Structure formats: structure tokens, C-alpha cells
N, C-alpha and C. Protein backbone atom coordinates (compact mmCIF):
# COMPACT_ATOMS: atom_id res chain seq x y z
N UNK A 1 30.63 -47.35 0.92
CA UNK A 1 30.93 -46.44 1.84
C UNK A 1 31.29 -47.15 2.82
N UNK A 2 32.68 -46.36 3.10
CA UNK A 2 33.55 -46.97 3.98
C UNK A 2 33.51 -46.52 5.69
N UNK A 3 32.69 -48.51 6.65
CA UNK A 3 32.46 -47.48 8.02
C UNK A 3 33.79 -47.37 8.57
N UNK A 4 33.93 -45.29 9.66
CA UNK A 4 35.26 -45.82 10.15
C UNK A 4 34.09 -46.14 12.05
N UNK A 5 33.62 -46.09 12.12
CA UNK A 5 33.30 -46.20 13.75
C UNK A 5 31.89 -46.35 13.55
N UNK A 6 31.26 -47.26 14.80
CA UNK A 6 29.81 -47.75 15.14
C UNK A 6 29.94 -47.64 16.87
N UNK A 7 28.76 -46.96 17.14
CA UNK A 7 28.79 -46.65 19.02
C UNK A 7 27.02 -47.47 18.92
N UNK A 8 27.41 -48.47 20.15
CA UNK A 8 25.57 -49.60 19.95
C UNK A 8 25.15 -49.36 21.75
N UNK A 9 24.67 -49.10 21.87
CA UNK A 9 23.92 -49.15 23.27
C UNK A 9 22.55 -50.53 23.06
N UNK A 10 22.69 -50.95 24.64
CA UNK A 10 21.92 -52.10 24.74
C UNK A 10 20.94 -51.47 26.12
N UNK A 11 20.67 -51.28 25.95
CA UNK A 11 19.54 -50.66 27.84
C UNK A 11 17.94 -51.23 28.01
N UNK A 12 18.40 -52.52 28.71
CA UNK A 12 17.27 -53.16 28.66
C UNK A 12 16.93 -53.72 27.35
N UNK A 13 17.09 -53.23 26.90
CA UNK A 13 16.36 -53.81 25.32
C UNK A 13 15.60 -52.79 24.14
N UNK A 14 16.59 -51.64 24.90
CA UNK A 14 16.61 -50.19 24.17
C UNK A 14 17.97 -50.75 23.18
N UNK A 15 17.59 -50.22 22.01
CA UNK A 15 19.27 -50.44 20.82
C UNK A 15 19.40 -49.29 20.49
N UNK A 16 20.07 -49.13 20.21
CA UNK A 16 21.07 -47.62 19.89
C UNK A 16 22.37 -48.02 18.74
N UNK A 17 22.40 -48.10 17.15
CA UNK A 17 23.41 -48.04 16.02
C UNK A 17 23.15 -46.78 15.85
N UNK A 18 24.52 -46.05 16.29
CA UNK A 18 24.96 -45.40 15.13
C UNK A 18 26.54 -45.67 14.42
N UNK A 19 26.23 -45.67 13.29
CA UNK A 19 27.38 -45.84 11.93
C UNK A 19 28.19 -44.56 11.24
N UNK A 20 28.78 -44.24 11.60
CA UNK A 20 29.83 -43.29 11.05
C UNK A 20 30.78 -44.09 10.21
N UNK A 21 29.90 -43.01 8.90
CA UNK A 21 31.09 -43.51 7.54
C UNK A 21 31.78 -42.38 7.12
N UNK A 22 33.48 -43.37 6.82
CA UNK A 22 34.42 -42.02 6.26
C UNK A 22 33.95 -40.64 5.72
N UNK A 23 32.81 -40.85 4.91
CA UNK A 23 32.28 -39.42 4.00
C UNK A 23 32.04 -38.51 5.17
N UNK A 24 32.02 -38.85 6.25
CA UNK A 24 30.62 -38.34 7.65
C UNK A 24 29.53 -38.28 7.97
N UNK A 25 28.75 -38.83 7.10
CA UNK A 25 27.50 -39.94 6.89
C UNK A 25 26.75 -40.20 8.08
N UNK A 26 26.20 -40.33 9.12
CA UNK A 26 26.17 -41.08 9.84
C UNK A 26 24.27 -41.73 9.95
N UNK A 27 24.84 -43.19 10.29
CA UNK A 27 23.25 -43.73 10.16
C UNK A 27 23.09 -44.24 11.85
N UNK A 28 21.62 -43.73 11.88
CA UNK A 28 20.82 -43.63 13.40
C UNK A 28 19.99 -45.21 13.12
N UNK A 29 20.54 -46.36 14.04
CA UNK A 29 19.29 -47.29 14.29
C UNK A 29 18.54 -47.03 15.80
N UNK A 30 17.69 -47.66 15.97
CA UNK A 30 17.20 -47.27 17.61
C UNK A 30 15.67 -48.42 17.02
N UNK A 31 15.71 -48.77 18.53
CA UNK A 31 14.82 -49.77 18.86
C UNK A 31 14.13 -49.25 19.61
N UNK A 32 12.27 -49.60 20.41
CA UNK A 32 12.42 -49.23 21.82
C UNK A 32 11.30 -50.75 22.38
N UNK A 33 11.69 -51.71 21.65
CA UNK A 33 11.09 -52.76 21.70
C UNK A 33 12.31 -53.50 21.80
N UNK A 34 12.32 -54.83 22.81
CA UNK A 34 12.48 -55.53 23.44
C UNK A 34 13.07 -57.05 22.48
N UNK A 35 14.05 -56.33 22.30
CA UNK A 35 14.27 -57.72 20.33
C UNK A 35 14.49 -59.26 20.64
N UNK A 36 14.33 -60.17 19.92
CA UNK A 36 13.93 -61.48 20.20
C UNK A 36 15.19 -62.49 20.47
N UNK A 37 15.90 -61.43 20.22
CA UNK A 37 17.70 -61.79 20.03
C UNK A 37 18.60 -61.47 21.23
N UNK A 38 19.67 -61.38 21.06
CA UNK A 38 20.25 -61.45 22.43
C UNK A 38 21.56 -59.44 22.38
N UNK A 39 21.81 -59.57 22.68
CA UNK A 39 23.21 -58.42 22.87
C UNK A 39 24.00 -58.61 22.08
N UNK A 40 24.81 -59.59 22.34
CA UNK A 40 25.83 -60.30 21.40
C UNK A 40 25.14 -60.58 19.73
N UNK A 41 23.87 -60.38 19.62
CA UNK A 41 23.61 -60.98 18.39
C UNK A 41 23.34 -59.67 17.46
N UNK A 42 23.97 -58.59 18.43
CA UNK A 42 23.99 -57.49 17.68
C UNK A 42 24.94 -56.46 17.08
N UNK A 43 26.42 -57.03 18.48
CA UNK A 43 27.30 -57.23 17.90
C UNK A 43 27.83 -58.06 16.89
N UNK A 44 27.36 -59.11 17.21
CA UNK A 44 27.57 -59.49 14.80
C UNK A 44 27.31 -59.09 13.64
N UNK A 45 26.18 -58.76 14.26
CA UNK A 45 25.29 -57.71 12.90
C UNK A 45 26.91 -56.20 12.99
N UNK A 46 27.25 -55.83 13.78
CA UNK A 46 28.82 -55.02 13.97
C UNK A 46 29.89 -56.12 12.83
N UNK A 47 30.01 -57.21 13.55
CA UNK A 47 31.09 -57.93 12.71
C UNK A 47 30.88 -57.96 11.13
N UNK A 48 29.93 -58.17 11.10
CA UNK A 48 29.74 -58.43 10.03
C UNK A 48 29.71 -57.47 8.73
N UNK A 49 29.29 -55.72 9.40
CA UNK A 49 29.25 -54.61 8.71
C UNK A 49 30.53 -54.24 8.65
N UNK A 50 31.13 -54.27 9.45
CA UNK A 50 32.87 -54.03 9.27
C UNK A 50 33.76 -55.00 8.25
N UNK A 51 32.95 -55.93 8.23
CA UNK A 51 33.21 -56.74 7.30
C UNK A 51 33.13 -56.99 5.67
N UNK A 52 32.21 -56.10 5.63
CA UNK A 52 32.13 -55.70 4.16
C UNK A 52 30.49 -56.56 4.00
N UNK A 53 29.94 -57.37 4.48
CA UNK A 53 28.77 -57.67 4.53
C UNK A 53 26.99 -57.41 5.16
N UNK A 54 26.12 -58.24 3.99
CA UNK A 54 25.50 -57.11 4.46
C UNK A 54 24.66 -57.28 5.89
N UNK A 55 24.48 -56.64 6.60
CA UNK A 55 24.16 -56.64 7.93
C UNK A 55 23.23 -55.90 8.62
N UNK A 56 22.03 -54.49 7.52
CA UNK A 56 21.63 -54.08 8.15
C UNK A 56 20.49 -55.31 8.65
N UNK A 57 19.80 -54.98 9.74
CA UNK A 57 18.57 -55.52 10.17
C UNK A 57 17.46 -54.85 9.76
N UNK A 58 17.81 -53.35 9.51
CA UNK A 58 16.13 -52.15 10.23
C UNK A 58 16.27 -52.58 8.16
N UNK A 59 16.93 -53.25 7.20
CA UNK A 59 16.29 -53.39 5.80
C UNK A 59 14.94 -53.82 5.58
N UNK A 60 14.41 -53.15 4.84
CA UNK A 60 12.48 -54.26 4.31
C UNK A 60 12.98 -55.54 3.86
N UNK A 61 14.19 -56.07 3.47
CA UNK A 61 14.97 -57.38 3.12
C UNK A 61 15.67 -57.04 4.05
N UNK A 62 15.47 -57.72 4.88
CA UNK A 62 16.85 -58.11 5.56
C UNK A 62 17.14 -59.56 5.66
N UNK A 63 17.12 -60.92 5.31
CA UNK A 63 17.24 -62.05 5.11
C UNK A 63 17.97 -62.46 5.33
N UNK A 64 19.32 -61.93 4.41
CA UNK A 64 20.73 -62.18 4.40
C UNK A 64 21.34 -61.71 5.34
N UNK A 65 20.81 -60.45 5.70
CA UNK A 65 21.99 -59.28 6.81
C UNK A 65 21.60 -60.21 8.20
N UNK A 66 20.33 -61.21 8.35
CA UNK A 66 20.31 -62.01 9.68
C UNK A 66 20.66 -63.79 9.92
N UNK A 67 21.69 -63.84 8.56
CA UNK A 67 21.18 -65.02 7.89
C UNK A 67 23.47 -64.75 8.42
N UNK A 68 23.81 -63.79 7.91
CA UNK A 68 25.55 -63.45 8.42
C UNK A 68 25.82 -63.23 9.57
N UNK A 69 24.35 -62.75 10.40
CA UNK A 69 24.57 -62.61 12.08
C UNK A 69 24.26 -63.76 12.37
N UNK A 70 23.48 -64.17 12.48
CA UNK A 70 23.43 -65.92 12.64
C UNK A 70 24.75 -66.85 12.89
N UNK A 71 25.32 -66.50 11.49
CA UNK A 71 26.24 -67.77 11.02
C UNK A 71 27.45 -67.02 12.23
N UNK A 72 27.73 -65.72 12.23
CA UNK A 72 28.76 -64.73 13.04
C UNK A 72 28.78 -65.06 14.14
N UNK A 73 27.84 -64.72 15.43
CA UNK A 73 27.01 -65.16 16.17
C UNK A 73 27.77 -66.49 17.06
N UNK A 74 27.19 -67.43 16.10
CA UNK A 74 27.49 -68.36 16.26
C UNK A 74 29.36 -69.31 16.20
N UNK A 75 29.90 -68.78 15.45
CA UNK A 75 30.83 -68.44 15.10
C UNK A 75 31.54 -68.25 16.40
N UNK A 76 31.10 -67.35 17.07
CA UNK A 76 31.92 -65.85 18.15
C UNK A 76 31.78 -66.81 19.34
N UNK A 77 30.55 -67.66 19.63
CA UNK A 77 29.79 -67.89 20.60
C UNK A 77 30.11 -69.30 21.08
N UNK A 78 30.52 -70.24 19.74
CA UNK A 78 31.39 -71.06 20.01
C UNK A 78 32.60 -70.90 20.55
N UNK A 79 33.46 -70.10 20.16
CA UNK A 79 34.64 -69.38 19.97
C UNK A 79 34.92 -69.60 21.56
N UNK A 80 33.82 -68.59 22.09
CA UNK A 80 33.95 -67.90 23.97
C UNK A 80 33.82 -69.85 25.02
N UNK A 81 32.74 -70.79 23.92
CA UNK A 81 32.39 -72.12 25.12
C UNK A 81 33.90 -72.17 25.26
N UNK A 82 34.53 -72.49 23.78
CA UNK A 82 35.72 -72.80 23.84
C UNK A 82 36.84 -72.80 24.41
N UNK A 83 36.37 -71.12 24.88
CA UNK A 83 37.68 -70.63 25.68
C UNK A 83 37.06 -70.90 27.03
N UNK A 84 36.29 -69.83 27.68
CA UNK A 84 35.68 -70.14 28.79
C UNK A 84 35.16 -71.77 29.67
N UNK A 85 34.85 -71.97 28.78
CA UNK A 85 34.12 -73.51 29.04
C UNK A 85 35.69 -74.90 28.63
N UNK A 86 36.97 -74.09 28.08
CA UNK A 86 38.25 -75.26 27.91
C UNK A 86 37.47 -76.55 27.13
N UNK A 87 36.72 -76.39 26.20
CA UNK A 87 35.58 -77.36 24.69
C UNK A 87 37.12 -77.41 24.09
N UNK A 88 37.15 -79.04 23.86
CA UNK A 88 37.86 -78.95 23.11
C UNK A 88 37.66 -79.64 21.74
N UNK A 89 36.19 -79.01 21.76
CA UNK A 89 36.30 -79.98 20.08
C UNK A 89 37.19 -79.33 18.88
N UNK A 90 37.26 -80.35 18.39
CA UNK A 90 37.27 -80.15 17.05
C UNK A 90 36.91 -78.95 15.88
N UNK A 91 37.47 -78.43 15.56
CA UNK A 91 37.15 -77.52 14.81
C UNK A 91 36.18 -77.53 13.83
N UNK A 92 36.61 -79.20 13.02
CA UNK A 92 35.57 -79.40 11.97
C UNK A 92 34.02 -79.93 12.63
N UNK A 93 34.06 -80.40 14.15
CA UNK A 93 32.50 -80.61 15.27
C UNK A 93 31.92 -79.19 15.31
N UNK A 94 32.48 -77.71 15.55
CA UNK A 94 32.04 -76.50 14.84
C UNK A 94 31.04 -76.52 13.63
N UNK A 95 32.31 -76.91 12.88
CA UNK A 95 32.11 -76.25 11.46
C UNK A 95 30.48 -76.74 11.20
N UNK A 96 30.19 -78.54 11.00
CA UNK A 96 29.20 -79.10 11.28
C UNK A 96 28.21 -78.88 11.71
N UNK A 97 28.55 -77.74 13.59
CA UNK A 97 27.32 -77.96 13.76
C UNK A 97 26.82 -76.46 13.50
N UNK A 98 27.63 -75.64 13.31
CA UNK A 98 26.93 -74.46 12.69
C UNK A 98 26.70 -74.40 11.24
N UNK A 99 26.58 -75.21 10.72
CA UNK A 99 26.10 -75.51 9.69
C UNK A 99 24.62 -76.31 9.78
N UNK A 100 24.53 -76.96 10.21
CA UNK A 100 22.93 -77.44 10.36
C UNK A 100 22.34 -75.96 11.42
N UNK A 101 22.66 -75.38 12.85
CA UNK A 101 21.97 -74.34 12.92
C UNK A 101 21.49 -73.18 12.33
N UNK A 102 22.40 -72.92 11.25
CA UNK A 102 22.03 -72.12 10.47
C UNK A 102 21.34 -72.27 9.16
N UNK A 103 21.62 -73.69 8.56
CA UNK A 103 20.51 -74.33 7.57
C UNK A 103 18.98 -74.40 7.80
N UNK A 104 19.15 -74.54 9.29
CA UNK A 104 17.83 -74.54 10.17
C UNK A 104 17.06 -73.18 10.59
N UNK A 105 17.59 -72.51 10.80
CA UNK A 105 17.61 -70.81 10.50
C UNK A 105 16.97 -70.12 9.52
N UNK A 106 18.17 -70.69 7.96
CA UNK A 106 17.91 -70.08 7.40
C UNK A 106 16.09 -70.37 6.50
N UNK A 107 16.10 -72.12 6.26
CA UNK A 107 15.38 -72.91 5.97
C UNK A 107 14.14 -72.37 6.53
N UNK A 108 14.18 -72.62 8.13
CA UNK A 108 12.69 -73.23 8.52
C UNK A 108 12.36 -71.38 9.59
N UNK A 109 12.93 -70.81 9.97
CA UNK A 109 12.90 -69.39 10.24
C UNK A 109 12.43 -68.25 9.15
N UNK A 110 13.59 -68.22 8.92
CA UNK A 110 13.31 -66.70 7.75
C UNK A 110 12.76 -67.53 6.39
N UNK A 111 13.31 -69.09 6.02
CA UNK A 111 12.76 -69.20 4.72
C UNK A 111 13.45 -68.35 3.35
N UNK A 112 14.97 -68.38 3.13
CA UNK A 112 15.89 -67.33 2.45
C UNK A 112 16.12 -68.16 1.03
N UNK A 113 15.64 -69.62 1.24
CA UNK A 113 15.49 -70.36 -0.21
C UNK A 113 14.54 -69.09 -1.04
N UNK A 114 13.48 -69.90 0.35
CA UNK A 114 12.10 -69.01 -0.79
C UNK A 114 12.15 -67.68 -0.91
N UNK A 115 12.50 -66.51 -0.04
CA UNK A 115 12.41 -65.23 -0.40
C UNK A 115 13.23 -64.20 -1.04
N UNK A 116 14.68 -64.53 -1.15
CA UNK A 116 15.19 -64.38 -1.67
C UNK A 116 15.75 -65.27 -2.74
N UNK A 117 15.38 -66.83 -2.86
CA UNK A 117 16.46 -67.35 -3.91
C UNK A 117 17.35 -67.33 -4.22
N UNK A 118 18.24 -67.67 -3.12
CA UNK A 118 19.47 -68.31 -2.77
C UNK A 118 19.09 -69.39 -1.93
N UNK A 119 19.91 -69.87 -2.20
CA UNK A 119 20.75 -71.24 -1.32
C UNK A 119 21.18 -70.87 -0.20
N UNK A 120 20.92 -72.52 0.70
CA UNK A 120 21.80 -71.57 2.11
C UNK A 120 23.14 -72.43 2.10
N UNK A 121 23.52 -72.96 1.02
CA UNK A 121 24.87 -73.17 0.64
C UNK A 121 25.92 -72.39 -0.30
N UNK A 122 24.82 -71.11 -1.39
CA UNK A 122 25.64 -70.28 -1.51
C UNK A 122 26.08 -69.86 -0.37
N UNK A 123 24.78 -69.08 0.38
CA UNK A 123 25.59 -68.13 1.25
C UNK A 123 26.27 -68.50 2.67
N UNK A 124 26.47 -70.09 2.55
CA UNK A 124 27.09 -69.96 3.76
C UNK A 124 28.31 -69.78 3.09
N UNK A 125 28.42 -70.53 2.19
CA UNK A 125 29.59 -70.04 0.68
C UNK A 125 30.40 -68.10 0.83
N UNK A 126 29.49 -67.75 0.21
CA UNK A 126 29.82 -66.03 0.73
C UNK A 126 29.91 -65.44 1.43
N UNK A 127 29.23 -66.19 2.73
CA UNK A 127 29.66 -65.40 4.41
C UNK A 127 31.12 -66.12 4.74
N UNK A 128 31.76 -66.86 4.26
CA UNK A 128 32.79 -67.53 4.41
C UNK A 128 33.47 -66.67 3.81
N UNK A 129 34.01 -66.72 3.01
CA UNK A 129 34.64 -65.95 1.60
C UNK A 129 34.77 -63.88 1.86
N UNK A 130 33.91 -63.79 3.25
CA UNK A 130 34.28 -62.73 3.88
C UNK A 130 34.43 -62.06 5.31
N UNK A 131 34.45 -64.52 5.68
CA UNK A 131 35.11 -63.96 6.64
C UNK A 131 36.06 -63.51 6.96
N UNK A 132 36.18 -62.55 7.92
CA UNK A 132 38.79 -61.98 8.19
C UNK A 132 38.43 -62.49 8.96
N UNK A 133 39.95 -62.92 9.56
CA UNK A 133 40.26 -63.25 10.42
C UNK A 133 41.23 -62.09 11.18
N UNK A 134 41.24 -60.91 10.71
CA UNK A 134 41.99 -59.73 11.19
C UNK A 134 40.64 -58.93 11.56
N UNK A 135 39.51 -59.38 10.63
CA UNK A 135 38.69 -57.92 11.94
C UNK A 135 37.85 -58.85 12.79
N UNK A 136 37.62 -59.53 12.91
CA UNK A 136 37.32 -61.22 13.59
C UNK A 136 37.63 -60.78 15.19
N UNK A 137 38.98 -60.52 15.16
CA UNK A 137 39.91 -60.47 15.86
C UNK A 137 39.70 -59.20 16.54
N UNK A 138 39.56 -58.52 16.30
CA UNK A 138 39.67 -57.76 16.24
C UNK A 138 38.47 -57.15 17.60
N UNK A 139 37.71 -58.27 17.44
CA UNK A 139 36.04 -57.44 18.40
C UNK A 139 35.36 -58.54 19.29
N UNK A 140 36.30 -59.42 19.49
CA UNK A 140 35.99 -60.95 20.38
C UNK A 140 36.09 -60.95 21.70
N UNK A 141 36.56 -59.32 21.90
CA UNK A 141 37.42 -59.16 23.17
C UNK A 141 35.67 -58.40 24.31
N UNK A 142 35.38 -57.41 22.79
CA UNK A 142 33.90 -56.80 23.99
C UNK A 142 33.05 -57.22 23.32
N UNK A 143 32.90 -58.75 22.45
CA UNK A 143 31.71 -60.17 22.25
C UNK A 143 31.78 -60.86 23.54
N UNK A 144 32.80 -61.26 23.89
CA UNK A 144 33.08 -62.11 25.13
C UNK A 144 32.62 -61.43 26.54
N UNK A 145 32.96 -59.57 26.37
CA UNK A 145 32.45 -59.28 28.05
C UNK A 145 31.04 -59.56 27.54
N UNK A 146 30.54 -58.96 26.68
CA UNK A 146 28.82 -58.80 26.53
C UNK A 146 28.36 -60.68 26.97
N UNK A 147 29.19 -61.39 26.07
CA UNK A 147 28.66 -63.13 26.21
C UNK A 147 28.71 -63.46 27.91
N UNK A 148 29.56 -62.75 28.53
CA UNK A 148 29.73 -63.41 30.33
C UNK A 148 28.76 -62.38 30.98
N UNK A 149 28.30 -60.97 30.38
CA UNK A 149 26.72 -60.57 30.98
C UNK A 149 25.74 -61.02 30.91
N UNK A 150 25.67 -61.72 29.47
CA UNK A 150 24.45 -62.74 29.14
C UNK A 150 24.50 -63.96 29.92
N UNK A 151 25.09 -64.17 30.41
CA UNK A 151 25.43 -65.67 31.26
C UNK A 151 25.08 -65.44 32.32
N UNK A 152 24.89 -64.08 32.64
CA UNK A 152 24.52 -64.16 34.29
C UNK A 152 23.87 -63.26 34.96
N UNK A 153 22.98 -61.94 33.16
CA UNK A 153 22.39 -61.27 33.46
C UNK A 153 20.97 -61.97 32.47
N UNK A 154 19.33 -61.49 32.96
CA UNK A 154 18.23 -61.41 31.99
C UNK A 154 18.76 -60.23 30.96
N UNK A 155 18.79 -60.57 29.72
CA UNK A 155 18.87 -59.44 28.87
C UNK A 155 17.59 -58.20 29.32
N UNK A 156 17.07 -58.47 30.00
CA UNK A 156 16.35 -57.46 29.49
C UNK A 156 16.43 -56.36 30.84
N UNK A 157 17.50 -56.44 31.94
CA UNK A 157 18.69 -55.96 32.01
C UNK A 157 19.42 -55.19 32.44
N UNK A 158 20.04 -56.14 31.23
CA UNK A 158 21.10 -55.82 30.82
C UNK A 158 21.20 -54.12 30.27
N UNK A 159 22.36 -52.82 30.85
CA UNK A 159 22.31 -52.09 30.11
C UNK A 159 24.36 -52.09 30.02
N UNK A 160 24.68 -51.67 28.62
CA UNK A 160 25.20 -51.56 28.52
C UNK A 160 25.90 -50.83 27.20
N UNK A 161 27.34 -50.39 26.65
CA UNK A 161 27.32 -49.48 24.73
C UNK A 161 28.91 -49.66 24.96
N UNK A 162 28.94 -49.59 23.73
CA UNK A 162 30.99 -49.56 22.90
C UNK A 162 30.53 -49.29 22.00
N UNK A 163 32.08 -48.62 22.25
CA UNK A 163 31.85 -48.47 20.35
C UNK A 163 33.41 -48.86 19.75
N UNK A 164 33.11 -49.15 18.16
CA UNK A 164 33.55 -49.84 17.96
C UNK A 164 34.29 -49.91 16.29
N UNK A 165 35.78 -49.87 16.41
CA UNK A 165 36.16 -49.47 15.19
C UNK A 165 37.49 -50.10 14.89
N UNK A 166 38.48 -49.99 13.85
CA UNK A 166 39.45 -50.93 13.07
C UNK A 166 40.57 -50.64 14.32
N UNK A 167 40.61 -49.16 14.54
CA UNK A 167 42.10 -48.76 14.95
C UNK A 167 42.01 -48.77 17.33
N UNK A 168 41.32 -48.63 17.69
CA UNK A 168 41.42 -48.50 19.08
C UNK A 168 41.08 -50.27 19.19
N UNK A 169 40.58 -51.32 18.59
CA UNK A 169 40.61 -52.72 19.66
C UNK A 169 41.59 -53.35 19.19
N UNK A 170 41.65 -54.04 20.36
CA UNK A 170 43.49 -54.99 20.75
C UNK A 170 42.58 -56.06 20.01
N UNK A 171 43.79 -56.90 18.72
CA UNK A 171 43.51 -57.87 18.25
C UNK A 171 43.76 -59.48 19.10
N UNK A 172 42.89 -60.02 19.25
CA UNK A 172 43.26 -61.72 20.27
C UNK A 172 44.68 -62.78 18.91
N UNK A 173 45.24 -62.49 19.43
CA UNK A 173 45.87 -64.32 18.94
C UNK A 173 45.29 -65.02 18.43
N UNK A 174 44.58 -65.62 19.26
CA UNK A 174 44.47 -67.25 19.86
C UNK A 174 42.92 -67.31 19.18
N UNK A 175 42.37 -65.65 18.82
CA UNK A 175 40.76 -65.78 17.88
C UNK A 175 41.34 -66.20 16.29
N UNK A 176 42.13 -64.73 16.28
CA UNK A 176 43.22 -64.96 14.95
C UNK A 176 43.16 -66.13 13.98
N UNK A 177 44.24 -66.51 15.14
CA UNK A 177 44.20 -68.49 14.45
C UNK A 177 43.05 -69.39 14.75
N UNK A 178 41.79 -69.11 15.89
CA UNK A 178 40.68 -69.86 15.94
C UNK A 178 39.89 -69.88 14.11
N UNK A 179 39.97 -68.34 13.87
CA UNK A 179 39.01 -68.30 12.05
C UNK A 179 39.79 -68.71 11.58
N UNK A 180 40.98 -68.17 10.99
CA UNK A 180 41.84 -69.28 10.36
C UNK A 180 41.94 -70.32 10.06
N UNK A 181 41.89 -71.24 11.35
CA UNK A 181 41.75 -72.35 10.95
C UNK A 181 40.22 -73.26 10.56
N UNK A 182 39.34 -72.30 11.08
CA UNK A 182 37.98 -72.57 10.60
C UNK A 182 37.70 -72.70 9.03
N UNK A 183 38.27 -71.33 8.47
CA UNK A 183 38.57 -71.31 7.28
C UNK A 183 38.51 -72.18 5.99
N UNK A 184 40.13 -72.35 7.00
CA UNK A 184 40.94 -73.65 6.27
C UNK A 184 39.79 -74.40 6.03
N UNK A 185 39.70 -75.22 6.89
CA UNK A 185 39.45 -76.41 6.94
C UNK A 185 37.59 -76.78 6.09
N UNK A 186 36.80 -75.16 7.00
CA UNK A 186 35.75 -75.32 5.85
C UNK A 186 35.91 -75.23 4.52
N UNK A 187 36.99 -74.64 3.91
CA UNK A 187 37.10 -74.59 1.91
C UNK A 187 37.36 -76.36 2.00
N UNK A 188 38.37 -76.97 2.70
CA UNK A 188 38.87 -77.91 2.67
C UNK A 188 37.89 -78.90 2.28
N UNK A 189 37.09 -79.20 2.91
CA UNK A 189 36.01 -79.65 3.30
C UNK A 189 35.00 -79.20 2.47
N UNK A 190 34.66 -78.32 2.30
CA UNK A 190 33.64 -78.04 1.21
C UNK A 190 33.97 -78.16 -0.61
N UNK A 191 34.87 -77.76 -0.61
CA UNK A 191 35.63 -77.99 -2.20
C UNK A 191 35.78 -79.68 -2.42
N UNK A 192 35.81 -80.22 -1.55
CA UNK A 192 36.27 -81.56 -1.39
C UNK A 192 34.53 -82.63 -1.84
N UNK A 193 33.89 -82.21 -0.92
CA UNK A 193 31.97 -82.17 -0.94
C UNK A 193 31.04 -81.62 -2.17
N UNK A 194 31.45 -80.65 -2.68
CA UNK A 194 30.96 -79.59 -3.93
C UNK A 194 31.74 -79.37 -5.05
N UNK A 195 30.79 -78.93 -5.88
CA UNK A 195 31.75 -78.87 -7.29
C UNK A 195 31.29 -77.75 -7.53
N UNK A 196 32.44 -76.26 -7.04
CA UNK A 196 32.27 -75.34 -7.59
C UNK A 196 33.47 -74.99 -8.46
């Protein structure tokens, strides 16, 4: 089922997702508890959804959805730091840091290799194959706005809502180029050290 639009709100930690599908079905996900994550993590789930990746954190088996969201969040946040703080680290450094952080999350927090019988390396490769520069470029501006909020307001006090779709968002050429370079360098280094 193709996703047409997602309405999302974060009201002092109470979250609401309304996912509108092309066949007019609507999926509503709601939580009254402040999650251990931040609002930008929710947006990462939304980007994963539009990218065709596992994304639904409410499923009983949600480890891969969380892995994808953490990886997406790391990439988006690194770009925000790069953009806002003029961090000139080479993309290779971003890739290596994401790999380390996401592997730690996967192996030690969610224990994905034991629970899902999937290796972290395979999940990373599947994620990168699905990572779409065009889709990502549509959502970075909204992500950046929420990222800036998180840096000045505690998440328990943030109230915001956004609507996401593939038609009304304006793409960011800078982020499109960042993601394209990221993927290219990732696969060059991955193929160099792995035999697939």
C-alpha cells in the first residue's frame, strides 16, 4: 500500500501519527506516554515509511523499524550539525560514526541479531539500498526545524505538528547531494571490504 500523507504531532511527549494510504485506509498510532526518544526520531520513522522501509514502531516485532529510524535519524542529525555548525568532517567520518553508533544500538540495546536472526551488516546494507536521496531531500527542512526546537526546549515541553507528503515538500539540493555522496562512498567502501 502506498502512503499518500502522514499527519504527525508531538504534544509535550504525547504523539499522534495518522497515515493516509492511497486506497483511503487510515492508520492511527497514538501514545500518551513520553517516549525515550525525541521528536526528530519520530520524523525519522516517517522518512523510513515514505522510503518503503520497515518503520512501524507499534508492531510487536519492531526491531528492524527502530534500527532503520535510528540510522535515518543519525544521518539527518549529522547533516543538521554539518549545516548549522559548519562541521567539515568528511563523509567517511560520518559513515564510520553512524556504523559504530547503529551497531551498538542494534547489538546491545535491541539485540537485533539474536531477536531477528539478522546481522547488523545485512540490515545496514538493506537500509542503504533503500535510502533515497530524493525522498530524504523533501523532509530535511522539517527535520531541521524540529531539530532546532529540540536544542532549545526540553522534549517534554515541545508542541508541534507537521504534515508530510511527497508533493508539497520543497527538496533541498544540498541534502540531496549529501545523501547521494553518502551512499556512493558507503557502497565503495562496503564493497571493498565485504564479499557480496
